[in-house]
Amino acid sequence: MKISSAVAEKYPALEDLVKMYSSRSEQVVFWEDKVHAELEIVDATANKLIWEFKVDEKHCNQLGNIHGGCVATIIDICSSFAILTYEGKGGWGLIGVSTDLAVSYMSGMSAGQTARLECEVQRVGKTLANIYTKVYDDNGKLCYSGSHTKYCIDSRL
């Protein structure tokens, strides 16, 4: 997982999270480890985080398109990180846990393409946050979208 230097400077908590994901032992394999090497944060502004994801054959189904479960995974990861760009009242220290994730599949994307994920934080409250993500292909065509609800665990740890 990578982060641009400009985004890292503006959002140090994002940089810390990227470093944590990237420093995991190779002996330990988590589900998200199957995709995080191809993820890169390319831009961030208040309440919005932009990622790029290089689609490889290992991410695709037998039809040659990115697998639906892989799409859900990258939307989950990327939208979770977006919480750390929230600049309103009462931001969270951690990225929370998922309570709901809905994904719409509108068009396929094949290996060799670079997906652009635009994650917009809609609301961050005391206990719940809502993030909406759009996933575009190389030609700027909207292929997938996701609505993600997160629960704050800051006080639990």
Protein backbone atom coordinates (compact mmCIF):
# COMPACT_ATOMS: atom_id res chain seq x y z
CA MET A 1 0.00 0.00 0.00
CA LYS A 2 1.29 3.45 -0.88
CA ILE A 3 0.41 7.07 -0.16
CA SER A 4 1.48 10.20 -1.99
CA SER A 5 3.81 12.45 -0.02
CA ALA A 6 1.43 15.43 -0.28
CA VAL A 7 -1.45 13.43 1.22
CA ALA A 8 0.83 11.96 3.92
CA GLU A 9 1.88 15.44 4.95
CA LYS A 10 -1.70 16.71 5.14
CA TYR A 11 -3.15 13.60 6.86
CA PRO A 12 -0.47 11.99 9.07
CA ALA A 13 -2.99 9.52 10.55
CA LEU A 14 -3.52 8.12 7.03
CA GLU A 15 0.23 7.74 6.60
CA ASP A 16 0.45 5.86 9.92
CA LEU A 17 -2.30 3.47 8.84
CA VAL A 18 -0.64 2.86 5.45
CA LYS A 19 2.66 2.12 7.21
CA MET A 20 0.93 -0.31 9.58
CA TYR A 21 -0.70 -2.21 6.69
CA SER A 22 2.55 -2.28 4.74
CA SER A 23 4.72 -3.50 7.60
CA ARG A 24 2.83 -6.70 8.41
CA SER A 25 4.86 -9.88 8.63
CA GLU A 26 4.84 -11.93 5.43
CA GLN A 27 4.01 -15.01 7.53
CA VAL A 28 0.68 -13.54 8.62
CA VAL A 29 -1.93 -13.42 5.87
CA PHE A 30 -5.09 -11.39 6.29
CA TRP A 31 -7.84 -11.20 3.69
CA GLU A 32 -7.03 -7.61 2.74
CA ASP A 33 -3.37 -8.53 2.19
CA LYS A 34 -4.50 -9.97 -1.16
CA VAL A 35 -5.20 -6.45 -2.46
CA HIS A 36 -3.33 -3.84 -0.42
CA ALA A 37 -0.11 -4.06 -2.45
CA GLU A 38 -1.98 -2.71 -5.48
CA LEU A 39 -3.69 0.15 -3.61
CA GLU A 40 -2.33 3.70 -3.60
CA ILE A 41 -3.74 6.87 -2.09
CA VAL A 42 -3.27 9.52 -4.77
CA ASP A 43 -5.20 12.49 -3.38
CA ALA A 44 -7.10 13.67 -0.33
CA THR A 45 -9.13 16.69 0.62
CA ALA A 46 -11.50 17.36 3.49
CA ASN A 47 -13.96 14.45 3.62
CA LYS A 48 -12.69 12.86 0.38
CA LEU A 49 -10.02 10.27 -0.36
CA ILE A 50 -8.91 9.18 -3.85
CA TRP A 51 -7.26 5.80 -4.47
CA GLU A 52 -5.92 3.91 -7.44
CA PHE A 53 -6.03 0.11 -7.65
CA LYS A 54 -4.13 -1.87 -10.27
CA VAL A 55 -6.34 -4.78 -11.33
CA ASP A 56 -4.32 -7.99 -11.77
CA GLU A 57 -5.45 -11.39 -13.06
CA LYS A 58 -5.44 -12.71 -9.48
CA HIS A 59 -8.28 -10.24 -8.72
CA CYS A 60 -10.48 -11.50 -11.58
CA ASN A 61 -13.16 -14.14 -11.98
CA GLN A 62 -13.36 -16.77 -14.75
CA LEU A 63 -14.96 -14.21 -17.07
CA GLY A 64 -11.85 -12.02 -16.82
CA ASN A 65 -13.48 -9.23 -14.81
CA ILE A 66 -12.57 -8.16 -11.30
CA HIS A 67 -14.34 -10.50 -8.87
CA GLY A 68 -17.32 -9.03 -7.01
CA GLY A 69 -15.83 -10.02 -3.66
CA CYS A 70 -12.63 -8.19 -4.56
CA VAL A 71 -14.64 -5.07 -5.46
CA ALA A 72 -16.41 -5.23 -2.08
CA THR A 73 -13.07 -5.67 -0.30
CA ILE A 74 -11.39 -2.65 -1.90
CA ILE A 75 -14.48 -0.49 -1.31
CA ASP A 76 -14.45 -1.62 2.35
CA ILE A 77 -10.77 -0.81 2.85
CA CYS A 78 -10.68 2.46 0.91
CA SER A 79 -13.86 3.92 2.37
CA SER A 80 -12.74 2.99 5.89
CA PHE A 81 -9.51 4.97 5.47
CA ALA A 82 -11.55 7.95 4.22
CA ILE A 83 -12.90 8.48 7.74
CA LEU A 84 -9.50 9.91 8.65
CA THR A 85 -10.05 12.80 6.17
CA TYR A 86 -13.13 13.96 8.07
CA GLU A 87 -12.60 17.56 9.20
CA GLY A 88 -15.92 18.26 10.90
CA LYS A 89 -16.83 18.25 14.56
CA GLY A 90 -16.11 15.07 16.51
CA GLY A 91 -13.81 13.09 14.22
CA TRP A 92 -12.74 9.55 15.07
CA GLY A 93 -9.28 8.39 16.08
CA LEU A 94 -9.71 4.91 14.56
CA ILE A 95 -11.47 3.73 11.38
CA GLY A 96 -14.14 1.71 13.21
CA VAL A 97 -15.82 -1.53 12.15
CA SER A 98 -18.34 -2.13 9.38
CA THR A 99 -22.03 -2.46 10.15
CA ASP A 100 -23.27 -2.33 6.55
CA LEU A 101 -21.74 -2.47 3.08
CA ALA A 102 -23.83 -2.32 -0.09
CA VAL A 103 -22.14 -2.61 -3.49
CA SER A 104 -23.64 -1.95 -6.93
CA TYR A 105 -22.03 -3.66 -9.92
CA MET A 106 -22.75 -1.71 -13.11
CA SER A 107 -19.97 -2.72 -15.49
CA GLY A 108 -16.98 -5.05 -15.40
CA MET A 109 -13.33 -4.11 -15.27
CA SER A 110 -10.59 -6.40 -16.57
CA ALA A 111 -7.00 -7.14 -15.58
CA GLY A 112 -4.52 -4.48 -16.64
CA GLN A 113 -6.81 -1.56 -15.87
CA THR A 114 -6.33 0.89 -13.03
CA ALA A 115 -9.45 1.55 -11.00
CA ARG A 116 -9.97 4.99 -9.48
CA LEU A 117 -11.89 4.95 -6.20
CA GLU A 118 -13.41 8.20 -4.97
CA CYS A 119 -14.53 7.89 -1.35
CA GLU A 120 -16.68 10.66 0.07
CA VAL A 121 -17.44 10.88 3.77
CA GLN A 122 -21.13 11.74 3.98
CA ARG A 123 -21.50 11.89 7.76
CA VAL A 124 -19.47 11.16 10.87
CA GLY A 125 -21.42 11.06 14.10
CA LYS A 126 -20.58 9.97 17.63
CA THR A 127 -21.16 6.27 16.86
CA LEU A 128 -21.83 5.88 13.11
CA ALA A 129 -20.25 7.14 9.90
CA ASN A 130 -21.45 6.90 6.29
CA ILE A 131 -19.13 6.84 3.29
CA TYR A 132 -20.07 6.64 -0.39
CA THR A 133 -17.58 5.30 -2.94
CA LYS A 134 -17.55 5.42 -6.74
CA VAL A 135 -15.20 3.20 -8.75
CA TYR A 136 -14.19 4.30 -12.26
CA ASP A 137 -12.24 2.47 -14.98
CA ASP A 138 -9.36 3.85 -17.10
CA ASN A 139 -11.84 5.63 -19.37
CA GLY A 140 -13.68 7.37 -16.52
CA LYS A 141 -16.68 5.06 -16.77
CA LEU A 142 -18.50 4.40 -13.49
CA CYS A 143 -18.29 0.62 -12.95
CA TYR A 144 -19.11 0.09 -9.26
CA SER A 145 -20.38 2.06 -6.29
CA GLY A 146 -20.62 1.34 -2.60
CA SER A 147 -22.37 2.66 0.48
CA HIS A 148 -20.56 1.88 3.73
CA THR A 149 -21.65 2.37 7.33
CA LYS A 150 -19.04 2.21 10.08
CA TYR A 151 -19.36 1.96 13.87
CA CYS A 152 -16.92 3.89 16.08
CA ILE A 153 -14.81 1.74 18.40
CA ASP A 154 -12.62 4.54 19.80
CA SER A 155 -14.03 4.26 23.32
CA ARG A 156 -13.87 0.44 23.25
CA LEU A 157 -10.07 0.25 23.00
